[in-house]
Amino acid sequence: MNETTHDPQTPRPPHPITPAPMYESEARTISMWLHFAAAIAAILSAGTLSFVVPLVMWLMYRERSALVDWHGKQNLNLQLTMIGAGIAAVILGVVTLFIGFIVTIPLFIAYWIFSVVISFMAGTAAQRGEYYKIPLVIPFVR
C-alpha cells in the first residue's frame, strides 16, 4: 500500500476543534469577573492565591474573545508583579538584616492595596467593554 492511500483500518486523526467565539456581553462579564475574583482572592488569601483565578479564567476563555484575552493578561501581569514585589521585599529585608523591612513592608502593603483597588477599576472598565491597561505592572505575559 502506498503512502497516498488511506488504510480504512487505521483511524484518522480528529479535526482540530476551534473554540466558538463568545457574545460581547458574555466577554464583558467574564472579563469583569476575572478582575473582581482576583481582587476577592487577594483579600481572602492575603494575596497568595490571587494569581490562580486570572490564570485559570484566561486559559479557559482567551481564544474565544480578544477582550477576555487582554484583561486576563493584564490581571495576570498584576498578580505576577505582586508576587515578585513580595519576594523582592523579603529578600531586601533579610539582606539588610531586617532593617529593610521598615521600608519594604509598608511599600508592599501599599502595592497590595493598589492591586485590589485597580482590579475593581479594571473590572468596571471591562464591563463597559474597554481595553484598560493596568499601570505599574511588569509585562510578564504579552
Protein backbone atom coordinates (compact mmCIF):
# COMPACT_ATOMS: atom_id res chain seq x y z
CA MET A 1 0.00 0.00 0.00
CA ASN A 2 1.50 3.35 -0.94
CA GLU A 3 1.50 6.46 1.24
CA THR A 4 -1.15 8.34 -0.73
CA THR A 5 -3.96 5.90 0.04
CA HIS A 6 -5.52 5.62 3.45
CA ASP A 7 -5.92 2.27 5.14
CA PRO A 8 -9.56 2.00 6.32
CA GLN A 9 -8.44 0.07 9.42
CA THR A 10 -6.30 2.91 10.85
CA PRO A 11 -8.23 5.78 12.40
CA ARG A 12 -7.75 9.25 11.02
CA PRO A 13 -6.67 12.00 13.39
CA PRO A 14 -9.58 14.11 14.58
CA HIS A 15 -10.13 17.51 13.05
CA PRO A 16 -9.00 20.32 15.31
CA ILE A 17 -11.86 21.94 17.13
CA THR A 18 -11.76 25.71 17.21
CA PRO A 19 -13.45 27.35 20.15
CA ALA A 20 -16.63 29.21 19.36
CA PRO A 21 -16.39 32.98 19.78
CA MET A 22 -18.49 34.37 22.59
CA TYR A 23 -21.03 37.15 22.60
CA GLU A 24 -19.76 40.61 23.51
CA SER A 25 -21.91 40.74 26.65
CA GLU A 26 -20.54 37.40 27.81
CA ALA A 27 -16.96 38.53 27.14
CA ARG A 28 -17.55 41.70 29.15
CA THR A 29 -18.98 39.76 32.07
CA ILE A 30 -16.16 37.20 32.12
CA SER A 31 -13.55 39.97 31.86
CA MET A 32 -15.18 41.82 34.74
CA TRP A 33 -15.32 38.73 36.96
CA LEU A 34 -11.74 37.87 36.10
CA HIS A 35 -10.65 41.11 37.82
CA PHE A 36 -13.21 41.01 40.63
CA ALA A 37 -12.46 37.39 41.53
CA ALA A 38 -8.71 38.10 41.59
CA ALA A 39 -9.30 41.04 43.96
CA ILE A 40 -11.57 38.95 46.20
CA ALA A 41 -9.00 36.13 46.22
CA ALA A 42 -6.29 38.67 47.12
CA ILE A 43 -8.36 39.81 50.08
CA LEU A 44 -9.34 36.33 51.30
CA SER A 45 -5.91 34.73 50.84
CA ALA A 46 -3.73 37.78 51.62
CA GLY A 47 -2.58 37.74 48.01
CA THR A 48 -1.22 34.20 47.98
CA LEU A 49 -3.84 32.70 45.65
CA SER A 50 -4.85 35.77 43.66
CA PHE A 51 -2.91 34.69 40.55
CA VAL A 52 -4.84 31.41 40.24
CA VAL A 53 -8.17 32.99 39.25
CA PRO A 54 -6.93 35.12 36.34
CA LEU A 55 -4.69 32.30 35.15
CA VAL A 56 -7.48 29.71 35.03
CA MET A 57 -10.06 32.07 33.52
CA TRP A 58 -7.58 33.41 30.96
CA LEU A 59 -6.56 29.90 29.90
CA MET A 60 -10.22 28.85 29.57
CA TYR A 61 -11.51 31.82 27.55
CA ARG A 62 -8.53 33.56 25.88
CA GLU A 63 -9.16 32.03 22.46
CA ARG A 64 -12.84 32.95 22.45
CA SER A 65 -12.59 36.70 22.99
CA ALA A 66 -9.94 39.37 22.44
CA LEU A 67 -11.39 41.32 25.38
CA VAL A 68 -11.01 38.38 27.77
CA ASP A 69 -7.51 37.72 26.42
CA TRP A 70 -6.49 41.35 27.05
CA HIS A 71 -7.95 41.58 30.55
CA GLY A 72 -6.64 38.15 31.52
CA LYS A 73 -3.11 39.14 30.57
CA GLN A 74 -3.43 42.48 32.34
CA ASN A 75 -4.59 40.97 35.62
CA LEU A 76 -2.18 38.05 35.43
CA ASN A 77 0.67 40.55 34.98
CA LEU A 78 -0.61 42.49 38.00
CA GLN A 79 -0.69 39.37 40.16
CA LEU A 80 2.75 38.19 39.00
CA THR A 81 4.17 41.66 39.69
CA MET A 82 2.63 41.43 43.15
CA ILE A 83 4.35 38.09 43.77
CA GLY A 84 7.64 39.50 42.51
CA ALA A 85 7.31 42.56 44.75
CA GLY A 86 6.66 40.31 47.73
CA ILE A 87 9.72 38.19 47.01
CA ALA A 88 11.85 41.30 46.49
CA ALA A 89 10.57 42.80 49.76
CA VAL A 90 11.51 39.69 51.72
CA ILE A 91 14.95 39.42 50.10
CA LEU A 92 15.68 43.10 50.74
CA GLY A 93 14.55 42.79 54.33
CA VAL A 94 16.70 39.74 55.01
CA VAL A 95 19.79 41.08 53.20
CA THR A 96 19.67 44.29 55.25
CA LEU A 97 19.44 42.29 58.49
CA PHE A 98 15.71 43.01 58.83
CA ILE A 99 16.19 46.79 58.87
CA GLY A 100 14.91 46.94 55.26
CA PHE A 101 11.53 45.65 56.40
CA ILE A 102 10.87 49.13 57.79
CA VAL A 103 10.62 50.30 54.16
CA THR A 104 9.62 47.17 52.25
CA ILE A 105 6.63 46.11 54.35
CA PRO A 106 4.78 49.44 54.05
CA LEU A 107 5.59 49.60 50.32
CA PHE A 108 4.36 46.05 49.82
CA ILE A 109 1.14 46.76 51.71
CA ALA A 110 0.61 49.90 49.62
CA TYR A 111 1.10 47.94 46.38
CA TRP A 112 -1.25 45.22 47.63
CA ILE A 113 -3.95 47.83 48.31
CA PHE A 114 -3.25 49.32 44.86
CA SER A 115 -3.66 45.89 43.24
CA VAL A 116 -7.04 45.31 44.91
CA VAL A 117 -8.36 48.78 44.02
CA ILE A 118 -7.05 48.71 40.44
CA SER A 119 -8.57 45.26 39.93
CA PHE A 120 -12.01 46.65 40.74
CA MET A 121 -11.38 49.65 38.47
CA ALA A 122 -10.22 47.39 35.62
CA GLY A 123 -13.22 45.10 36.16
CA THR A 124 -15.56 48.06 35.86
CA ALA A 125 -13.81 49.15 32.65
CA ALA A 126 -14.03 45.58 31.31
CA GLN A 127 -17.78 45.55 31.92
CA ARG A 128 -18.00 48.66 29.72
CA GLY A 129 -16.01 46.84 27.01
CA GLU A 130 -12.87 48.96 27.42
CA TYR A 131 -9.33 47.66 26.97
CA TYR A 132 -7.98 49.02 30.26
CA LYS A 133 -4.20 48.97 30.70
CA ILE A 134 -3.21 48.47 34.32
CA PRO A 135 -0.36 50.80 35.34
CA LEU A 136 2.69 49.89 37.42
CA VAL A 137 2.96 46.26 36.29
CA ILE A 138 5.76 44.26 34.73
CA PRO A 139 4.51 42.72 31.44
CA PHE A 140 5.39 39.08 32.07
CA VAL A 141 2.61 37.81 29.77
CA ARG A 142 2.32 39.65 26.46
